[in-house]
Protein backbone atom coordinates (compact mmCIF):
# COMPACT_ATOMS: atom_id res chain seq x y z
CA UNK A 1 -103.17 -46.28 -46.50
CA UNK A 2 -101.30 -48.91 -48.54
CA UNK A 3 -103.16 -52.13 -49.27
CA UNK A 4 -101.96 -55.22 -51.14
CA UNK A 5 -104.27 -57.93 -52.46
CA UNK A 6 -102.54 -61.17 -53.49
CA UNK A 7 -104.18 -63.55 -55.97
CA UNK A 8 -102.89 -66.71 -57.60
CA UNK A 9 -104.18 -65.61 -61.03
CA UNK A 10 -106.85 -63.54 -62.74
CA UNK A 11 -108.86 -66.52 -64.00
CA UNK A 12 -112.55 -65.76 -64.50
CA UNK A 13 -113.92 -66.82 -61.09
CA UNK A 14 -115.70 -65.13 -58.22
CA UNK A 15 -112.77 -64.51 -55.85
CA UNK A 16 -110.69 -62.91 -58.59
CA UNK A 17 -113.60 -60.72 -59.72
CA UNK A 18 -114.22 -59.55 -56.15
CA UNK A 19 -110.51 -58.78 -55.68
CA UNK A 20 -110.56 -56.62 -58.83
CA UNK A 21 -113.76 -54.85 -57.70
CA UNK A 22 -112.18 -54.28 -54.27
CA UNK A 23 -109.02 -52.83 -55.78
CA UNK A 24 -111.03 -50.46 -57.99
CA UNK A 25 -113.21 -49.38 -55.05
CA UNK A 26 -110.28 -48.82 -52.72
CA UNK A 27 -108.56 -46.65 -55.32
CA UNK A 28 -111.74 -44.59 -55.77
CA UNK A 29 -111.65 -43.98 -51.99
CA UNK A 30 -108.08 -42.70 -52.28
CA UNK A 31 -106.22 -45.74 -50.95
CA UNK A 32 -102.92 -46.89 -52.45
CA UNK A 33 -104.14 -50.38 -53.41
CA UNK A 34 -102.29 -52.94 -55.52
CA UNK A 35 -103.45 -56.32 -56.74
CA UNK A 36 -100.54 -58.72 -57.22
CA UNK A 37 -100.89 -62.01 -59.08
CA UNK A 38 -98.24 -64.59 -59.88
CA UNK A 39 -99.68 -67.04 -62.45
CA UNK A 40 -100.86 -66.19 -65.96
CA UNK A 41 -103.74 -68.30 -67.26
CA UNK A 42 -105.88 -68.51 -70.37
CA UNK A 43 -109.35 -66.98 -70.19
CA UNK A 44 -108.28 -64.45 -67.56
CA UNK A 45 -109.97 -61.14 -66.84
CA UNK A 46 -108.76 -58.08 -68.76
CA UNK A 47 -108.46 -55.83 -65.69
CA UNK A 48 -107.78 -52.58 -67.54
CA UNK A 49 -110.71 -52.94 -69.93
CA UNK A 50 -113.18 -54.57 -67.53
CA UNK A 51 -112.32 -52.88 -64.21
CA UNK A 52 -110.15 -49.88 -65.07
CA UNK A 53 -107.22 -51.09 -62.95
CA UNK A 54 -103.72 -52.39 -63.72
CA UNK A 55 -102.60 -55.21 -61.41
CA UNK A 56 -98.96 -56.19 -60.93
CA UNK A 57 -97.74 -59.50 -62.39
CA UNK A 58 -95.00 -61.05 -60.26
CA UNK A 59 -94.03 -64.48 -61.64
CA UNK A 60 -93.44 -67.02 -58.92
CA UNK A 61 -91.42 -69.57 -60.96
CA UNK A 62 -91.43 -72.17 -58.20
CA UNK A 63 -89.91 -69.92 -55.56
CA UNK A 64 -91.47 -68.48 -52.43
CA UNK A 65 -92.63 -64.88 -52.64
CA UNK A 66 -91.32 -62.53 -49.99
CA UNK A 67 -92.15 -58.89 -49.38
């Protein structure tokens, strides 16, 4: 199963933390899960060190994202 989780950024807040936990858990279950974020911010989570996952950064730059 392929799963995509889209977040605005990885700022240190509850929704972002839960998205990172979900991505790590889904991968442990064998799912092909990706977390995609499109804004870089200061004081963001370090997903590799803190959660063991590598999200995908896709800069938005004022344009609409399409998949």
